[in-house]
Amino acid sequence: VGGRRLGILGMGRIGQAVARRAQAFGM
């Protein structure tokens, strides 16, 4: 998953929590 583009539809509390985890995986 590292380097892949993750599109988040809805950047509220959950969306930001997903972004934080995805960032740790290098997405």
mmCIF file of all heavy atoms, coordinates in Angstrom:
data_MODEL
# 
_entry.id   MODEL 
# 
loop_
_atom_site.group_PDB 
_atom_site.id 
_atom_site.type_symbol 
_atom_site.label_atom_id 
_atom_site.label_alt_id 
_atom_site.label_comp_id 
_atom_site.label_asym_id 
_atom_site.label_entity_id 
_atom_site.label_seq_id 
_atom_site.pdbx_PDB_ins_code 
_atom_site.Cartn_x 
_atom_site.Cartn_y 
_atom_site.Cartn_z 
_atom_site.occupancy 
_atom_site.B_iso_or_equiv 
_atom_site.pdbx_formal_charge 
_atom_site.auth_seq_id 
_atom_site.auth_comp_id 
_atom_site.auth_asym_id 
_atom_site.auth_atom_id 
_atom_site.pdbx_PDB_model_num 
ATOM 1   N N   . VAL A 1 1  ? 0.823   -1.209 0.000  1.00 0.00 ? 1  VAL A N   1 
ATOM 2   C CA  . VAL A 1 1  ? 0.000   0.000  0.000  1.00 0.00 ? 1  VAL A CA  1 
ATOM 3   C C   . VAL A 1 1  ? 0.858   1.260  0.000  1.00 0.00 ? 1  VAL A C   1 
ATOM 4   O O   . VAL A 1 1  ? 0.381   2.335  -0.352 1.00 0.00 ? 1  VAL A O   1 
ATOM 5   C CB  . VAL A 1 1  ? -0.971  0.018  1.197  1.00 0.00 ? 1  VAL A CB  1 
ATOM 6   C CG1 . VAL A 1 1  ? -1.938  -1.140 1.116  1.00 0.00 ? 1  VAL A CG1 1 
ATOM 7   C CG2 . VAL A 1 1  ? -0.215  0.014  2.517  1.00 0.00 ? 1  VAL A CG2 1 
ATOM 8   N N   . GLY A 1 2  ? 2.100   1.130  0.403  1.00 0.00 ? 2  GLY A N   1 
ATOM 9   C CA  . GLY A 1 2  ? 2.985   2.285  0.422  1.00 0.00 ? 2  GLY A CA  1 
ATOM 10  C C   . GLY A 1 2  ? 3.139   2.896  -0.968 1.00 0.00 ? 2  GLY A C   1 
ATOM 11  O O   . GLY A 1 2  ? 3.394   2.186  -1.931 1.00 0.00 ? 2  GLY A O   1 
ATOM 12  N N   . GLY A 1 3  ? 2.955   4.207  -1.063 1.00 0.00 ? 3  GLY A N   1 
ATOM 13  C CA  . GLY A 1 3  ? 3.061   4.899  -2.337 1.00 0.00 ? 3  GLY A CA  1 
ATOM 14  C C   . GLY A 1 3  ? 1.771   4.972  -3.126 1.00 0.00 ? 3  GLY A C   1 
ATOM 15  O O   . GLY A 1 3  ? 1.687   5.719  -4.102 1.00 0.00 ? 3  GLY A O   1 
ATOM 16  N N   . ARG A 1 4  ? 0.773   4.228  -2.709 1.00 0.00 ? 4  ARG A N   1 
ATOM 17  C CA  . ARG A 1 4  ? -0.502  4.264  -3.439 1.00 0.00 ? 4  ARG A CA  1 
ATOM 18  C C   . ARG A 1 4  ? -1.299  5.500  -3.042 1.00 0.00 ? 4  ARG A C   1 
ATOM 19  O O   . ARG A 1 4  ? -1.152  6.048  -1.948 1.00 0.00 ? 4  ARG A O   1 
ATOM 20  C CB  . ARG A 1 4  ? -1.321  3.001  -3.154 1.00 0.00 ? 4  ARG A CB  1 
ATOM 21  C CG  . ARG A 1 4  ? -0.689  1.735  -3.681 1.00 0.00 ? 4  ARG A CG  1 
ATOM 22  C CD  . ARG A 1 4  ? -1.701  0.621  -3.784 1.00 0.00 ? 4  ARG A CD  1 
ATOM 23  N NE  . ARG A 1 4  ? -1.083  -0.627 -4.250 1.00 0.00 ? 4  ARG A NE  1 
ATOM 24  C CZ  . ARG A 1 4  ? -1.781  -1.689 -4.644 1.00 0.00 ? 4  ARG A CZ  1 
ATOM 25  N NH1 . ARG A 1 4  ? -3.095  -1.653 -4.617 1.00 0.00 ? 4  ARG A NH1 1 
ATOM 26  N NH2 . ARG A 1 4  ? -1.156  -2.776 -5.048 1.00 0.00 ? 4  ARG A NH2 1 
ATOM 27  N N   . ARG A 1 5  ? -2.182  5.895  -3.955 1.00 0.00 ? 5  ARG A N   1 
ATOM 28  C CA  . ARG A 1 5  ? -3.016  7.075  -3.735 1.00 0.00 ? 5  ARG A CA  1 
ATOM 29  C C   . ARG A 1 5  ? -4.338  6.655  -3.095 1.00 0.00 ? 5  ARG A C   1 
ATOM 30  O O   . ARG A 1 5  ? -5.082  5.863  -3.672 1.00 0.00 ? 5  ARG A O   1 
ATOM 31  C CB  . ARG A 1 5  ? -3.267  7.798  -5.051 1.00 0.00 ? 5  ARG A CB  1 
ATOM 32  C CG  . ARG A 1 5  ? -2.023  8.391  -5.692 1.00 0.00 ? 5  ARG A CG  1 
ATOM 33  C CD  . ARG A 1 5  ? -2.342  9.105  -6.995 1.00 0.00 ? 5  ARG A CD  1 
ATOM 34  N NE  . ARG A 1 5  ? -2.822  8.168  -8.003 1.00 0.00 ? 5  ARG A NE  1 
ATOM 35  C CZ  . ARG A 1 5  ? -2.042  7.490  -8.833 1.00 0.00 ? 5  ARG A CZ  1 
ATOM 36  N NH1 . ARG A 1 5  ? -0.721  7.649  -8.781 1.00 0.00 ? 5  ARG A NH1 1 
ATOM 37  N NH2 . ARG A 1 5  ? -2.550  6.664  -9.725 1.00 0.00 ? 5  ARG A NH2 1 
ATOM 38  N N   . LEU A 1 6  ? -4.607  7.183  -1.930 1.00 0.00 ? 6  LEU A N   1 
ATOM 39  C CA  . LEU A 1 6  ? -5.854  6.915  -1.213 1.00 0.00 ? 6  LEU A CA  1 
ATOM 40  C C   . LEU A 1 6  ? -6.756  8.127  -1.322 1.00 0.00 ? 6  LEU A C   1 
ATOM 41  O O   . LEU A 1 6  ? -6.387  9.226  -0.894 1.00 0.00 ? 6  LEU A O   1 
ATOM 42  C CB  . LEU A 1 6  ? -5.587  6.600  0.257  1.00 0.00 ? 6  LEU A CB  1 
ATOM 43  C CG  . LEU A 1 6  ? -6.824  6.528  1.166  1.00 0.00 ? 6  LEU A CG  1 
ATOM 44  C CD1 . LEU A 1 6  ? -7.732  5.364  0.755  1.00 0.00 ? 6  LEU A CD1 1 
ATOM 45  C CD2 . LEU A 1 6  ? -6.427  6.411  2.634  1.00 0.00 ? 6  LEU A CD2 1 
ATOM 46  N N   . GLY A 1 7  ? -7.936  7.941  -1.892 1.00 0.00 ? 7  GLY A N   1 
ATOM 47  C CA  . GLY A 1 7  ? -8.922  9.008  -1.953 1.00 0.00 ? 7  GLY A CA  1 
ATOM 48  C C   . GLY A 1 7  ? -9.945  8.831  -0.846 1.00 0.00 ? 7  GLY A C   1 
ATOM 49  O O   . GLY A 1 7  ? -10.561 7.773  -0.718 1.00 0.00 ? 7  GLY A O   1 
ATOM 50  N N   . ILE A 1 8  ? -10.124 9.842  -0.027 1.00 0.00 ? 8  ILE A N   1 
ATOM 51  C CA  . ILE A 1 8  ? -11.058 9.789  1.098  1.00 0.00 ? 8  ILE A CA  1 
ATOM 52  C C   . ILE A 1 8  ? -12.246 10.686 0.776  1.00 0.00 ? 8  ILE A C   1 
ATOM 53  O O   . ILE A 1 8  ? -12.091 11.889 0.569  1.00 0.00 ? 8  ILE A O   1 
ATOM 54  C CB  . ILE A 1 8  ? -10.390 10.238 2.405  1.00 0.00 ? 8  ILE A CB  1 
ATOM 55  C CG1 . ILE A 1 8  ? -9.235  9.294  2.746  1.00 0.00 ? 8  ILE A CG1 1 
ATOM 56  C CG2 . ILE A 1 8  ? -11.402 10.275 3.541  1.00 0.00 ? 8  ILE A CG2 1 
ATOM 57  C CD1 . ILE A 1 8  ? -8.466  9.708  3.987  1.00 0.00 ? 8  ILE A CD1 1 
ATOM 58  N N   . LEU A 1 9  ? -13.406 10.093 0.719  1.00 0.00 ? 9  LEU A N   1 
ATOM 59  C CA  . LEU A 1 9  ? -14.644 10.833 0.485  1.00 0.00 ? 9  LEU A CA  1 
ATOM 60  C C   . LEU A 1 9  ? -15.295 11.096 1.832  1.00 0.00 ? 9  LEU A C   1 
ATOM 61  O O   . LEU A 1 9  ? -15.865 10.208 2.449  1.00 0.00 ? 9  LEU A O   1 
ATOM 62  C CB  . LEU A 1 9  ? -15.575 10.033 -0.425 1.00 0.00 ? 9  LEU A CB  1 
ATOM 63  C CG  . LEU A 1 9  ? -16.986 10.597 -0.653 1.00 0.00 ? 9  LEU A CG  1 
ATOM 64  C CD1 . LEU A 1 9  ? -16.918 12.040 -1.118 1.00 0.00 ? 9  LEU A CD1 1 
ATOM 65  C CD2 . LEU A 1 9  ? -17.747 9.730  -1.636 1.00 0.00 ? 9  LEU A CD2 1 
ATOM 66  N N   . GLY A 1 10 ? -15.170 12.322 2.301  1.00 0.00 ? 10 GLY A N   1 
ATOM 67  C CA  . GLY A 1 10 ? -15.676 12.672 3.622  1.00 0.00 ? 10 GLY A CA  1 
ATOM 68  C C   . GLY A 1 10 ? -14.527 12.758 4.614  1.00 0.00 ? 10 GLY A C   1 
ATOM 69  O O   . GLY A 1 10 ? -14.104 11.745 5.166  1.00 0.00 ? 10 GLY A O   1 
ATOM 70  N N   . MET A 1 11 ? -14.015 13.954 4.841  1.00 0.00 ? 11 MET A N   1 
ATOM 71  C CA  . MET A 1 11 ? -12.826 14.131 5.677  1.00 0.00 ? 11 MET A CA  1 
ATOM 72  C C   . MET A 1 11 ? -13.216 14.675 7.040  1.00 0.00 ? 11 MET A C   1 
ATOM 73  O O   . MET A 1 11 ? -12.691 15.692 7.524  1.00 0.00 ? 11 MET A O   1 
ATOM 74  C CB  . MET A 1 11 ? -11.845 15.059 4.973  1.00 0.00 ? 11 MET A CB  1 
ATOM 75  C CG  . MET A 1 11 ? -10.420 14.978 5.470  1.00 0.00 ? 11 MET A CG  1 
ATOM 76  S SD  . MET A 1 11 ? -9.658  13.396 5.190  1.00 0.00 ? 11 MET A SD  1 
ATOM 77  C CE  . MET A 1 11 ? -7.920  13.888 5.289  1.00 0.00 ? 11 MET A CE  1 
ATOM 78  N N   . GLY A 1 12 ? -14.180 14.009 7.678  1.00 0.00 ? 12 GLY A N   1 
ATOM 79  C CA  . GLY A 1 12 ? -14.557 14.376 9.039  1.00 0.00 ? 12 GLY A CA  1 
ATOM 80  C C   . GLY A 1 12 ? -13.678 13.654 10.044 1.00 0.00 ? 12 GLY A C   1 
ATOM 81  O O   . GLY A 1 12 ? -12.514 13.368 9.787  1.00 0.00 ? 12 GLY A O   1 
ATOM 82  N N   . ARG A 1 13 ? -14.250 13.340 11.209 1.00 0.00 ? 13 ARG A N   1 
ATOM 83  C CA  . ARG A 1 13 ? -13.464 12.680 12.255 1.00 0.00 ? 13 ARG A CA  1 
ATOM 84  C C   . ARG A 1 13 ? -12.913 11.338 11.774 1.00 0.00 ? 13 ARG A C   1 
ATOM 85  O O   . ARG A 1 13 ? -11.723 11.038 11.951 1.00 0.00 ? 13 ARG A O   1 
ATOM 86  C CB  . ARG A 1 13 ? -14.329 12.475 13.503 1.00 0.00 ? 13 ARG A CB  1 
ATOM 87  C CG  . ARG A 1 13 ? -14.596 13.734 14.312 1.00 0.00 ? 13 ARG A CG  1 
ATOM 88  C CD  . ARG A 1 13 ? -15.230 13.392 15.641 1.00 0.00 ? 13 ARG A CD  1 
ATOM 89  N NE  . ARG A 1 13 ? -16.517 12.718 15.460 1.00 0.00 ? 13 ARG A NE  1 
ATOM 90  C CZ  . ARG A 1 13 ? -17.691 13.330 15.503 1.00 0.00 ? 13 ARG A CZ  1 
ATOM 91  N NH1 . ARG A 1 13 ? -17.741 14.631 15.712 1.00 0.00 ? 13 ARG A NH1 1 
ATOM 92  N NH2 . ARG A 1 13 ? -18.816 12.664 15.340 1.00 0.00 ? 13 ARG A NH2 1 
ATOM 93  N N   . ILE A 1 14 ? -13.782 10.523 11.168 1.00 0.00 ? 14 ILE A N   1 
ATOM 94  C CA  . ILE A 1 14 ? -13.344 9.203  10.735 1.00 0.00 ? 14 ILE A CA  1 
ATOM 95  C C   . ILE A 1 14 ? -12.401 9.317  9.542  1.00 0.00 ? 14 ILE A C   1 
ATOM 96  O O   . ILE A 1 14 ? -11.374 8.622  9.480  1.00 0.00 ? 14 ILE A O   1 
ATOM 97  C CB  . ILE A 1 14 ? -14.563 8.322  10.400 1.00 0.00 ? 14 ILE A CB  1 
ATOM 98  C CG1 . ILE A 1 14 ? -15.378 8.054  11.668 1.00 0.00 ? 14 ILE A CG1 1 
ATOM 99  C CG2 . ILE A 1 14 ? -14.117 7.011  9.760  1.00 0.00 ? 14 ILE A CG2 1 
ATOM 100 C CD1 . ILE A 1 14 ? -16.665 7.293  11.423 1.00 0.00 ? 14 ILE A CD1 1 
ATOM 101 N N   . GLY A 1 15 ? -12.727 10.176 8.600  1.00 0.00 ? 15 GLY A N   1 
ATOM 102 C CA  . GLY A 1 15 ? -11.865 10.353 7.444  1.00 0.00 ? 15 GLY A CA  1 
ATOM 103 C C   . GLY A 1 15 ? -10.462 10.777 7.837  1.00 0.00 ? 15 GLY A C   1 
ATOM 104 O O   . GLY A 1 15 ? -9.465  10.281 7.291  1.00 0.00 ? 15 GLY A O   1 
ATOM 105 N N   . GLN A 1 16 ? -10.361 11.677 8.806  1.00 0.00 ? 16 GLN A N   1 
ATOM 106 C CA  . GLN A 1 16 ? -9.040  12.109 9.263  1.00 0.00 ? 16 GLN A CA  1 
ATOM 107 C C   . GLN A 1 16 ? -8.313  11.003 10.023 1.00 0.00 ? 16 GLN A C   1 
ATOM 108 O O   . GLN A 1 16 ? -7.087  10.886 9.939  1.00 0.00 ? 16 GLN A O   1 
ATOM 109 C CB  . GLN A 1 16 ? -9.177  13.356 10.135 1.00 0.00 ? 16 GLN A CB  1 
ATOM 110 C CG  . GLN A 1 16 ? -9.645  14.577 9.362  1.00 0.00 ? 16 GLN A CG  1 
ATOM 111 C CD  . GLN A 1 16 ? -9.729  15.818 10.213 1.00 0.00 ? 16 GLN A CD  1 
ATOM 112 O OE1 . GLN A 1 16 ? -8.942  16.009 11.152 1.00 0.00 ? 16 GLN A OE1 1 
ATOM 113 N NE2 . GLN A 1 16 ? -10.678 16.692 9.909  1.00 0.00 ? 16 GLN A NE2 1 
ATOM 114 N N   . ALA A 1 17 ? -9.058  10.185 10.752 1.00 0.00 ? 17 ALA A N   1 
ATOM 115 C CA  . ALA A 1 17 ? -8.428  9.056  11.439 1.00 0.00 ? 17 ALA A CA  1 
ATOM 116 C C   . ALA A 1 17 ? -7.896  8.045  10.430 1.00 0.00 ? 17 ALA A C   1 
ATOM 117 O O   . ALA A 1 17 ? -6.829  7.451  10.631 1.00 0.00 ? 17 ALA A O   1 
ATOM 118 C CB  . ALA A 1 17 ? -9.431  8.396  12.382 1.00 0.00 ? 17 ALA A CB  1 
ATOM 119 N N   . VAL A 1 18 ? -8.622  7.839  9.334  1.00 0.00 ? 18 VAL A N   1 
ATOM 120 C CA  . VAL A 1 18 ? -8.146  6.962  8.267  1.00 0.00 ? 18 VAL A CA  1 
ATOM 121 C C   . VAL A 1 18 ? -6.894  7.557  7.626  1.00 0.00 ? 18 VAL A C   1 
ATOM 122 O O   . VAL A 1 18 ? -5.913  6.853  7.355  1.00 0.00 ? 18 VAL A O   1 
ATOM 123 C CB  . VAL A 1 18 ? -9.247  6.739  7.213  1.00 0.00 ? 18 VAL A CB  1 
ATOM 124 C CG1 . VAL A 1 18 ? -8.695  5.996  5.991  1.00 0.00 ? 18 VAL A CG1 1 
ATOM 125 C CG2 . VAL A 1 18 ? -10.409 5.954  7.813  1.00 0.00 ? 18 VAL A CG2 1 
ATOM 126 N N   . ALA A 1 19 ? -6.916  8.862  7.375  1.00 0.00 ? 19 ALA A N   1 
ATOM 127 C CA  . ALA A 1 19 ? -5.761  9.538  6.767  1.00 0.00 ? 19 ALA A CA  1 
ATOM 128 C C   . ALA A 1 19 ? -4.520  9.391  7.638  1.00 0.00 ? 19 ALA A C   1 
ATOM 129 O O   . ALA A 1 19 ? -3.408  9.182  7.132  1.00 0.00 ? 19 ALA A O   1 
ATOM 130 C CB  . ALA A 1 19 ? -6.083  11.008 6.543  1.00 0.00 ? 19 ALA A CB  1 
ATOM 131 N N   . ARG A 1 20 ? -4.690  9.494  8.947  1.00 0.00 ? 20 ARG A N   1 
ATOM 132 C CA  . ARG A 1 20 ? -3.556  9.367  9.863  1.00 0.00 ? 20 ARG A CA  1 
ATOM 133 C C   . ARG A 1 20 ? -2.929  7.969  9.773  1.00 0.00 ? 20 ARG A C   1 
ATOM 134 O O   . ARG A 1 20 ? -1.692  7.820  9.761  1.00 0.00 ? 20 ARG A O   1 
ATOM 135 C CB  . ARG A 1 20 ? -4.032  9.644  11.288 1.00 0.00 ? 20 ARG A CB  1 
ATOM 136 C CG  . ARG A 1 20 ? -2.928  9.752  12.318 1.00 0.00 ? 20 ARG A CG  1 
ATOM 137 C CD  . ARG A 1 20 ? -3.485  10.155 13.681 1.00 0.00 ? 20 ARG A CD  1 
ATOM 138 N NE  . ARG A 1 20 ? -4.170  11.444 13.626 1.00 0.00 ? 20 ARG A NE  1 
ATOM 139 C CZ  . ARG A 1 20 ? -5.495  11.583 13.737 1.00 0.00 ? 20 ARG A CZ  1 
ATOM 140 N NH1 . ARG A 1 20 ? -6.270  10.529 13.897 1.00 0.00 ? 20 ARG A NH1 1 
ATOM 141 N NH2 . ARG A 1 20 ? -6.038  12.783 13.685 1.00 0.00 ? 20 ARG A NH2 1 
ATOM 142 N N   . ARG A 1 21 ? -3.758  6.955  9.675  1.00 0.00 ? 21 ARG A N   1 
ATOM 143 C CA  . ARG A 1 21 ? -3.255  5.587  9.565  1.00 0.00 ? 21 ARG A CA  1 
ATOM 144 C C   . ARG A 1 21 ? -2.638  5.338  8.190  1.00 0.00 ? 21 ARG A C   1 
ATOM 145 O O   . ARG A 1 21 ? -1.598  4.680  8.077  1.00 0.00 ? 21 ARG A O   1 
ATOM 146 C CB  . ARG A 1 21 ? -4.392  4.602  9.837  1.00 0.00 ? 21 ARG A CB  1 
ATOM 147 C CG  . ARG A 1 21 ? -4.779  4.533  11.310 1.00 0.00 ? 21 ARG A CG  1 
ATOM 148 C CD  . ARG A 1 21 ? -6.210  4.039  11.505 1.00 0.00 ? 21 ARG A CD  1 
ATOM 149 N NE  . ARG A 1 21 ? -6.535  3.875  12.913 1.00 0.00 ? 21 ARG A NE  1 
ATOM 150 C CZ  . ARG A 1 21 ? -6.801  4.885  13.749 1.00 0.00 ? 21 ARG A CZ  1 
ATOM 151 N NH1 . ARG A 1 21 ? -6.774  6.136  13.310 1.00 0.00 ? 21 ARG A NH1 1 
ATOM 152 N NH2 . ARG A 1 21 ? -7.091  4.641  15.018 1.00 0.00 ? 21 ARG A NH2 1 
ATOM 153 N N   . ALA A 1 22 ? -3.292  5.843  7.157  1.00 0.00 ? 22 ALA A N   1 
ATOM 154 C CA  . ALA A 1 22 ? -2.768  5.650  5.807  1.00 0.00 ? 22 ALA A CA  1 
ATOM 155 C C   . ALA A 1 22 ? -1.419  6.328  5.641  1.00 0.00 ? 22 ALA A C   1 
ATOM 156 O O   . ALA A 1 22 ? -0.516  5.810  4.965  1.00 0.00 ? 22 ALA A O   1 
ATOM 157 C CB  . ALA A 1 22 ? -3.765  6.194  4.786  1.00 0.00 ? 22 ALA A CB  1 
ATOM 158 N N   . GLN A 1 23 ? -1.271  7.480  6.261  1.00 0.00 ? 23 GLN A N   1 
ATOM 159 C CA  . GLN A 1 23 ? -0.001  8.201  6.191  1.00 0.00 ? 23 GLN A CA  1 
ATOM 160 C C   . GLN A 1 23 ? 1.119   7.375  6.824  1.00 0.00 ? 23 GLN A C   1 
ATOM 161 O O   . GLN A 1 23 ? 2.244   7.344  6.332  1.00 0.00 ? 23 GLN A O   1 
ATOM 162 C CB  . GLN A 1 23 ? -0.139  9.548  6.899  1.00 0.00 ? 23 GLN A CB  1 
ATOM 163 C CG  . GLN A 1 23 ? 1.049   10.467 6.744  1.00 0.00 ? 23 GLN A CG  1 
ATOM 164 C CD  . GLN A 1 23 ? 0.843   11.772 7.506  1.00 0.00 ? 23 GLN A CD  1 
ATOM 165 O OE1 . GLN A 1 23 ? 0.143   11.813 8.519  1.00 0.00 ? 23 GLN A OE1 1 
ATOM 166 N NE2 . GLN A 1 23 ? 1.436   12.846 7.018  1.00 0.00 ? 23 GLN A NE2 1 
ATOM 167 N N   . ALA A 1 24 ? 0.790   6.668  7.915  1.00 0.00 ? 24 ALA A N   1 
ATOM 168 C CA  . ALA A 1 24 ? 1.789   5.831  8.574  1.00 0.00 ? 24 ALA A CA  1 
ATOM 169 C C   . ALA A 1 24 ? 2.223   4.668  7.680  1.00 0.00 ? 24 ALA A C   1 
ATOM 170 O O   . ALA A 1 24 ? 3.351   4.174  7.800  1.00 0.00 ? 24 ALA A O   1 
ATOM 171 C CB  . ALA A 1 24 ? 1.246   5.295  9.889  1.00 0.00 ? 24 ALA A CB  1 
ATOM 172 N N   . PHE A 1 25 ? 1.348   4.245  6.769  1.00 0.00 ? 25 PHE A N   1 
ATOM 173 C CA  . PHE A 1 25 ? 1.673   3.171  5.832  1.00 0.00 ? 25 PHE A CA  1 
ATOM 174 C C   . PHE A 1 25 ? 2.344   3.708  4.569  1.00 0.00 ? 25 PHE A C   1 
ATOM 175 O O   . PHE A 1 25 ? 2.624   2.937  3.657  1.00 0.00 ? 25 PHE A O   1 
ATOM 176 C CB  . PHE A 1 25 ? 0.411   2.398  5.447  1.00 0.00 ? 25 PHE A CB  1 
ATOM 177 C CG  . PHE A 1 25 ? 0.043   1.327  6.433  1.00 0.00 ? 25 PHE A CG  1 
ATOM 178 C CD1 . PHE A 1 25 ? -0.770  1.607  7.523  1.00 0.00 ? 25 PHE A CD1 1 
ATOM 179 C CD2 . PHE A 1 25 ? 0.498   0.027  6.268  1.00 0.00 ? 25 PHE A CD2 1 
ATOM 180 C CE1 . PHE A 1 25 ? -1.114  0.617  8.430  1.00 0.00 ? 25 PHE A CE1 1 
ATOM 181 C CE2 . PHE A 1 25 ? 0.162   -0.970 7.167  1.00 0.00 ? 25 PHE A CE2 1 
ATOM 182 C CZ  . PHE A 1 25 ? -0.645  -0.669 8.269  1.00 0.00 ? 25 PHE A CZ  1 
ATOM 183 N N   . GLY A 1 26 ? 2.570   5.000  4.507  1.00 0.00 ? 26 GLY A N   1 
ATOM 184 C CA  . GLY A 1 26 ? 3.247   5.581  3.370  1.00 0.00 ? 26 GLY A CA  1 
ATOM 185 C C   . GLY A 1 26 ? 2.350   5.854  2.173  1.00 0.00 ? 26 GLY A C   1 
ATOM 186 O O   . GLY A 1 26 ? 2.845   6.015  1.054  1.00 0.00 ? 26 GLY A O   1 
ATOM 187 N N   . MET A 1 27 ? 1.040   5.943  2.393  1.00 0.00 ? 27 MET A N   1 
ATOM 188 C CA  . MET A 1 27 ? 0.118   6.216  1.300  1.00 0.00 ? 27 MET A CA  1 
ATOM 189 C C   . MET A 1 27 ? 0.029   7.721  1.050  1.00 0.00 ? 27 MET A C   1 
ATOM 190 O O   . MET A 1 27 ? 0.256   8.534  1.955  1.00 0.00 ? 27 MET A O   1 
ATOM 191 C CB  . MET A 1 27 ? -1.270  5.643  1.603  1.00 0.00 ? 27 MET A CB  1 
ATOM 192 C CG  . MET A 1 27 ? -1.305  4.154  1.865  1.00 0.00 ? 27 MET A CG  1 
ATOM 193 S SD  . MET A 1 27 ? -2.991  3.487  1.976  1.00 0.00 ? 27 MET A SD  1 
ATOM 194 C CE  . MET A 1 27 ? -3.489  3.505  0.251  1.00 0.00 ? 27 MET A CE  1 
# 
